[in-house]
Amino acid sequence: MAALMMLASCNNTNKKSETAAIAEQAPTKDTIVYEHEYLVKVGDMAPDFTLKYTDGTEFTLSKLRGKVVMLQFTASWCGICRGEMPHIESRIWQPHKDNADFVLVGVDREEPREVVEEYTTKLGTTYPMLLDEKGDVFASYALRKSGITRNVLIDRDGRIVKLTRRFVEPEFNNLVATIDSLLAE
């Protein structure tokens, strides 16, 4: 029962109606819904964006060409996110935080800075967090009303190489291995 509640907590609203509405439209590049309600797929150029870190400085994705970038979409109200974040901290951030060729950022969806700082401090995560206050960046990668706990891995050329949804240990292990492989190139 608790697992079902946690799954429901990571699906912000009624995604069925949004998916159905998109399915009724004539398919175009902008309306095709990929696996796990992503609007992007492996091989696509990652949609560019600019957001602010919790300290107020700016982050622009396109300025990171030449680096391996991982975006972790999250929110304090998502139980699966909170369960995954310590794994990201220990297995991805800590081993690679000093690597100039790697950037990891959490992208918090629709929450104020104070909330983000509070829950990341409680979790003990130290990787940087961006504030997607209106959820527009999230909506450029996935259906606006779909659940979070998503990781997007981007190669040095700005192309998406891996998309994950929820926390599944074998998939997470593959994400870690893919990051290690990209950084070894």
C-alpha atoms as a PDB file:
ATOM      1  CA  MET A   1       0.000   0.000   0.000  1.00  0.00           C
ATOM      2  CA  ALA A   2       2.795   2.425   0.897  1.00  0.00           C
ATOM      3  CA  ALA A   3       4.484   1.675  -2.432  1.00  0.00           C
ATOM      4  CA  LEU A   4       1.279   2.499  -4.300  1.00  0.00           C
ATOM      5  CA  MET A   5       0.929   5.765  -2.404  1.00  0.00           C
ATOM      6  CA  MET A   6       4.553   6.636  -3.178  1.00  0.00           C
ATOM      7  CA  LEU A   7       4.004   5.940  -6.883  1.00  0.00           C
ATOM      8  CA  ALA A   8       0.893   8.085  -6.869  1.00  0.00           C
ATOM      9  CA  SER A   9       2.768  10.879  -5.092  1.00  0.00           C
ATOM     10  CA  CYS A  10       5.185  11.180  -8.003  1.00  0.00           C
ATOM     11  CA  ASN A  11       2.400  11.633 -10.546  1.00  0.00           C
ATOM     12  CA  ASN A  12       1.404  15.225  -9.978  1.00  0.00           C
ATOM     13  CA  THR A  13      -2.002  15.132 -11.703  1.00  0.00           C
ATOM     14  CA  ASN A  14      -4.247  13.179 -14.033  1.00  0.00           C
ATOM     15  CA  LYS A  15      -1.803  12.181 -16.764  1.00  0.00           C
ATOM     16  CA  LYS A  16      -4.364   9.913 -18.457  1.00  0.00           C
ATOM     17  CA  SER A  17      -6.420  12.833 -19.712  1.00  0.00           C
ATOM     18  CA  GLU A  18      -3.387  14.704 -21.071  1.00  0.00           C
ATOM     19  CA  THR A  19      -2.086  11.571 -22.791  1.00  0.00           C
ATOM     20  CA  ALA A  20      -5.516  10.918 -24.299  1.00  0.00           C
ATOM     21  CA  ALA A  21      -5.780  14.500 -25.544  1.00  0.00           C
ATOM     22  CA  ILE A  22      -2.399  14.261 -27.242  1.00  0.00           C
ATOM     23  CA  ALA A  23      -3.264  10.870 -28.748  1.00  0.00           C
ATOM     24  CA  GLU A  24      -6.370  12.392 -30.360  1.00  0.00           C
ATOM     25  CA  GLN A  25      -4.290  14.998 -32.192  1.00  0.00           C
ATOM     26  CA  ALA A  26      -2.714  14.313 -35.570  1.00  0.00           C
ATOM     27  CA  PRO A  27       0.816  13.148 -34.777  1.00  0.00           C
ATOM     28  CA  THR A  28       3.544  15.718 -35.298  1.00  0.00           C
ATOM     29  CA  LYS A  29       7.060  15.987 -33.920  1.00  0.00           C
ATOM     30  CA  ASP A  30       5.624  18.073 -31.079  1.00  0.00           C
ATOM     31  CA  THR A  31       2.809  15.688 -30.123  1.00  0.00           C
ATOM     32  CA  ILE A  32       4.472  12.280 -30.264  1.00  0.00           C
ATOM     33  CA  VAL A  33       4.727  10.847 -26.760  1.00  0.00           C
ATOM     34  CA  TYR A  34       7.621   8.484 -26.248  1.00  0.00           C
ATOM     35  CA  GLU A  35       8.140   5.851 -23.587  1.00  0.00           C
ATOM     36  CA  HIS A  36       7.348   6.997 -20.015  1.00  0.00           C
ATOM     37  CA  GLU A  37       5.665  10.136 -21.367  1.00  0.00           C
ATOM     38  CA  TYR A  38       8.940  11.682 -22.467  1.00  0.00           C
ATOM     39  CA  LEU A  39       8.643  14.172 -25.315  1.00  0.00           C
ATOM     40  CA  VAL A  40      12.283  13.593 -26.248  1.00  0.00           C
ATOM     41  CA  LYS A  41      14.095  10.407 -27.152  1.00  0.00           C
ATOM     42  CA  VAL A  42      17.610   9.042 -27.200  1.00  0.00           C
ATOM     43  CA  GLY A  43      19.507  10.662 -30.078  1.00  0.00           C
ATOM     44  CA  ASP A  44      17.630  13.984 -29.873  1.00  0.00           C
ATOM     45  CA  MET A  45      19.442  17.205 -29.100  1.00  0.00           C
ATOM     46  CA  ALA A  46      18.619  18.061 -25.503  1.00  0.00           C
ATOM     47  CA  PRO A  47      16.241  21.032 -25.327  1.00  0.00           C
ATOM     48  CA  ASP A  48      18.209  24.072 -24.215  1.00  0.00           C
ATOM     49  CA  PHE A  49      17.210  26.090 -21.184  1.00  0.00           C
ATOM     50  CA  THR A  50      18.435  28.598 -18.642  1.00  0.00           C
ATOM     51  CA  LEU A  51      17.495  28.313 -14.955  1.00  0.00           C
ATOM     52  CA  LYS A  52      18.841  29.621 -11.679  1.00  0.00           C
ATOM     53  CA  TYR A  53      20.622  27.574  -9.067  1.00  0.00           C
ATOM     54  CA  THR A  54      19.382  27.857  -5.494  1.00  0.00           C
ATOM     55  CA  ASP A  55      22.176  30.423  -4.900  1.00  0.00           C
ATOM     56  CA  GLY A  56      20.783  32.648  -7.688  1.00  0.00           C
ATOM     57  CA  THR A  57      23.504  32.068 -10.292  1.00  0.00           C
ATOM     58  CA  GLU A  58      22.492  31.032 -13.812  1.00  0.00           C
ATOM     59  CA  PHE A  59      22.834  27.696 -15.551  1.00  0.00           C
ATOM     60  CA  THR A  60      22.480  27.385 -19.343  1.00  0.00           C
ATOM     61  CA  LEU A  61      22.586  23.880 -20.764  1.00  0.00           C
ATOM     62  CA  SER A  62      23.999  24.806 -24.196  1.00  0.00           C
ATOM     63  CA  LYS A  63      27.042  26.410 -22.544  1.00  0.00           C
ATOM     64  CA  LEU A  64      28.095  22.936 -21.381  1.00  0.00           C
ATOM     65  CA  ARG A  65      28.873  21.450 -24.811  1.00  0.00           C
ATOM     66  CA  GLY A  66      32.002  19.341 -24.469  1.00  0.00           C
ATOM     67  CA  LYS A  67      30.881  17.995 -21.092  1.00  0.00           C
ATOM     68  CA  VAL A  68      28.780  15.008 -20.057  1.00  0.00           C
ATOM     69  CA  VAL A  69      25.645  16.351 -18.351  1.00  0.00           C
ATOM     70  CA  MET A  70      23.075  14.586 -16.182  1.00  0.00           C
ATOM     71  CA  LEU A  71      19.759  16.259 -15.398  1.00  0.00           C
ATOM     72  CA  GLN A  72      17.819  14.775 -12.483  1.00  0.00           C
ATOM     73  CA  PHE A  73      14.206  16.002 -12.451  1.00  0.00           C
ATOM     74  CA  THR A  74      12.861  15.914  -8.896  1.00  0.00           C
ATOM     75  CA  ALA A  75      10.602  17.467  -6.247  1.00  0.00           C
ATOM     76  CA  SER A  76      10.288  17.273  -2.472  1.00  0.00           C
ATOM     77  CA  TRP A  77       6.820  15.694  -2.653  1.00  0.00           C
ATOM     78  CA  CYS A  78       8.064  12.730  -4.711  1.00  0.00           C
ATOM     79  CA  GLY A  79       8.911   9.770  -2.491  1.00  0.00           C
ATOM     80  CA  ILE A  80      10.711   7.878  -5.244  1.00  0.00           C
ATOM     81  CA  CYS A  81      12.845  10.959  -5.938  1.00  0.00           C
ATOM     82  CA  ARG A  82      13.828  11.189  -2.285  1.00  0.00           C
ATOM     83  CA  GLY A  83      14.722   7.499  -2.362  1.00  0.00           C
ATOM     84  CA  GLU A  84      16.853   7.855  -5.496  1.00  0.00           C
ATOM     85  CA  MET A  85      18.725  11.023  -4.539  1.00  0.00           C
ATOM     86  CA  PRO A  86      21.081   9.403  -1.978  1.00  0.00           C
ATOM     87  CA  HIS A  87      22.074   6.856  -4.668  1.00  0.00           C
ATOM     88  CA  ILE A  88      22.784   9.669  -7.127  1.00  0.00           C
ATOM     89  CA  GLU A  89      24.811  11.426  -4.432  1.00  0.00           C
ATOM     90  CA  SER A  90      26.946   8.402  -3.506  1.00  0.00           C
ATOM     91  CA  ARG A  91      27.286   6.583  -6.832  1.00  0.00           C
ATOM     92  CA  ILE A  92      27.391   9.442  -9.335  1.00  0.00           C
ATOM     93  CA  TRP A  93      28.060  12.808  -7.683  1.00  0.00           C
ATOM     94  CA  GLN A  94      30.734  11.876  -5.165  1.00  0.00           C
ATOM     95  CA  PRO A  95      32.891   9.877  -7.633  1.00  0.00           C
ATOM     96  CA  HIS A  96      32.642  12.545 -10.369  1.00  0.00           C
ATOM     97  CA  LYS A  97      32.088  15.906  -8.658  1.00  0.00           C
ATOM     98  CA  ASP A  98      35.687  16.976  -9.231  1.00  0.00           C
ATOM     99  CA  ASN A  99      35.730  15.899 -12.889  1.00  0.00           C
ATOM    100  CA  ALA A 100      35.702  19.046 -15.041  1.00  0.00           C
ATOM    101  CA  ASP A 101      34.112  17.027 -17.881  1.00  0.00           C
ATOM    102  CA  PHE A 102      30.991  16.138 -15.862  1.00  0.00           C
ATOM    103  CA  VAL A 103      28.024  18.203 -14.708  1.00  0.00           C
ATOM    104  CA  LEU A 104      25.179  16.870 -12.562  1.00  0.00           C
ATOM    105  CA  VAL A 105      22.260  19.089 -11.636  1.00  0.00           C
ATOM    106  CA  GLY A 106      18.981  18.396  -9.955  1.00  0.00           C
ATOM    107  CA  VAL A 107      16.081  20.239 -11.592  1.00  0.00           C
ATOM    108  CA  ASP A 108      13.417  20.828  -8.973  1.00  0.00           C
ATOM    109  CA  ARG A 109       9.924  21.149 -10.352  1.00  0.00           C
ATOM    110  CA  GLU A 110       7.698  23.992  -9.213  1.00  0.00           C
ATOM    111  CA  GLU A 111       8.942  24.589  -5.681  1.00  0.00           C
ATOM    112  CA  PRO A 112      10.485  27.609  -3.968  1.00  0.00           C
ATOM    113  CA  ARG A 113      14.187  27.744  -3.090  1.00  0.00           C
ATOM    114  CA  GLU A 114      13.529  27.342   0.640  1.00  0.00           C
ATOM    115  CA  VAL A 115      11.713  24.034   0.155  1.00  0.00           C
ATOM    116  CA  VAL A 116      14.454  22.723  -2.143  1.00  0.00           C
ATOM    117  CA  GLU A 117      17.201  23.671   0.285  1.00  0.00           C
ATOM    118  CA  GLU A 118      15.340  22.115   3.212  1.00  0.00           C
ATOM    119  CA  TYR A 119      14.696  18.704   1.663  1.00  0.00           C
ATOM    120  CA  THR A 120      18.132  18.371   0.036  1.00  0.00           C
ATOM    121  CA  THR A 121      19.763  19.208   3.369  1.00  0.00           C
ATOM    122  CA  LYS A 122      17.632  16.570   5.129  1.00  0.00           C
ATOM    123  CA  LEU A 123      18.609  14.007   2.475  1.00  0.00           C
ATOM    124  CA  GLY A 124      22.291  14.931   2.671  1.00  0.00           C
ATOM    125  CA  THR A 125      22.566  15.579  -1.052  1.00  0.00           C
ATOM    126  CA  THR A 126      25.213  18.080  -2.086  1.00  0.00           C
ATOM    127  CA  TYR A 127      24.924  18.206  -5.857  1.00  0.00           C
ATOM    128  CA  PRO A 128      23.635  21.523  -7.227  1.00  0.00           C
ATOM    129  CA  MET A 129      19.928  22.146  -7.658  1.00  0.00           C
ATOM    130  CA  LEU A 130      18.160  24.279 -10.252  1.00  0.00           C
ATOM    131  CA  LEU A 131      14.759  25.887  -9.747  1.00  0.00           C
ATOM    132  CA  ASP A 132      12.238  25.103 -12.495  1.00  0.00           C
ATOM    133  CA  GLU A 133       9.643  27.293 -10.785  1.00  0.00           C
ATOM    134  CA  LYS A 134       6.968  27.071 -13.491  1.00  0.00           C
ATOM    135  CA  GLY A 135       7.808  23.530 -14.641  1.00  0.00           C
ATOM    136  CA  ASP A 136       8.510  24.749 -18.174  1.00  0.00           C
ATOM    137  CA  VAL A 137      11.867  23.002 -18.478  1.00  0.00           C
ATOM    138  CA  PHE A 138      10.320  19.755 -17.274  1.00  0.00           C
ATOM    139  CA  ALA A 139       7.562  20.245 -19.875  1.00  0.00           C
ATOM    140  CA  SER A 140      10.156  20.522 -22.651  1.00  0.00           C
ATOM    141  CA  TYR A 141      11.358  16.998 -21.806  1.00  0.00           C
ATOM    142  CA  ALA A 142       8.146  15.225 -20.691  1.00  0.00           C
ATOM    143  CA  LEU A 143       4.414  15.755 -20.512  1.00  0.00           C
ATOM    144  CA  ARG A 144       3.801  18.601 -18.088  1.00  0.00           C
ATOM    145  CA  LYS A 145       1.447  16.565 -15.889  1.00  0.00           C
ATOM    146  CA  SER A 146       3.448  13.327 -15.924  1.00  0.00           C
ATOM    147  CA  GLY A 147       5.348  11.971 -12.962  1.00  0.00           C
ATOM    148  CA  ILE A 148       8.882  12.920 -12.210  1.00  0.00           C
ATOM    149  CA  THR A 149      11.853  10.959 -10.940  1.00  0.00           C
ATOM    150  CA  ARG A 150      13.526  11.275 -14.323  1.00  0.00           C
ATOM    151  CA  ASN A 151      17.164  11.336 -15.329  1.00  0.00           C
ATOM    152  CA  VAL A 152      18.391  12.618 -18.673  1.00  0.00           C
ATOM    153  CA  LEU A 153      21.986  11.881 -19.654  1.00  0.00           C
ATOM    154  CA  ILE A 154      23.471  14.132 -22.338  1.00  0.00           C
ATOM    155  CA  ASP A 155      26.709  13.538 -24.221  1.00  0.00           C
ATOM    156  CA  ARG A 156      29.444  16.041 -25.040  1.00  0.00           C
ATOM    157  CA  ASP A 157      27.690  17.005 -28.289  1.00  0.00           C
ATOM    158  CA  GLY A 158      24.418  17.881 -26.506  1.00  0.00           C
ATOM    159  CA  ARG A 159      22.569  14.715 -27.560  1.00  0.00           C
ATOM    160  CA  ILE A 160      20.468  12.623 -25.207  1.00  0.00           C
ATOM    161  CA  VAL A 161      22.067   9.217 -24.647  1.00  0.00           C
ATOM    162  CA  LYS A 162      19.929   7.847 -21.800  1.00  0.00           C
ATOM    163  CA  LEU A 163      16.490   8.482 -20.293  1.00  0.00           C
ATOM    164  CA  THR A 164      15.347   6.876 -17.055  1.00  0.00           C
ATOM    165  CA  ARG A 165      12.063   6.958 -15.159  1.00  0.00           C
ATOM    166  CA  ARG A 166      11.555   6.014 -11.514  1.00  0.00           C
ATOM    167  CA  PHE A 167      14.296   4.208  -9.579  1.00  0.00           C
ATOM    168  CA  VAL A 168      14.973   0.695 -10.792  1.00  0.00           C
ATOM    169  CA  GLU A 169      18.304  -0.738  -9.605  1.00  0.00           C
ATOM    170  CA  PRO A 170      19.397  -2.468 -12.864  1.00  0.00           C
ATOM    171  CA  GLU A 171      18.523   0.639 -14.896  1.00  0.00           C
ATOM    172  CA  PHE A 172      20.334   2.853 -12.373  1.00  0.00           C
ATOM    173  CA  ASN A 173      23.395   0.590 -12.553  1.00  0.00           C
ATOM    174  CA  ASN A 174      23.326   0.982 -16.338  1.00  0.00           C
ATOM    175  CA  LEU A 175      23.081   4.776 -15.956  1.00  0.00           C
ATOM    176  CA  VAL A 176      26.183   4.757 -13.718  1.00  0.00           C
ATOM    177  CA  ALA A 177      28.057   2.541 -16.205  1.00  0.00           C
ATOM    178  CA  THR A 178      27.052   4.790 -19.114  1.00  0.00           C
ATOM    179  CA  ILE A 179      28.330   7.886 -17.299  1.00  0.00           C
ATOM    180  CA  ASP A 180      31.619   6.129 -16.521  1.00  0.00           C
ATOM    181  CA  SER A 181      31.948   5.046 -20.154  1.00  0.00           C
ATOM    182  CA  LEU A 182      31.229   8.532 -21.540  1.00  0.00           C
ATOM    183  CA  LEU A 183      33.767  10.071 -19.179  1.00  0.00           C
ATOM    184  CA  ALA A 184      36.408   7.521 -20.208  1.00  0.00           C
ATOM    185  CA  GLU A 185      36.151   8.585 -23.892  1.00  0.00           C
END
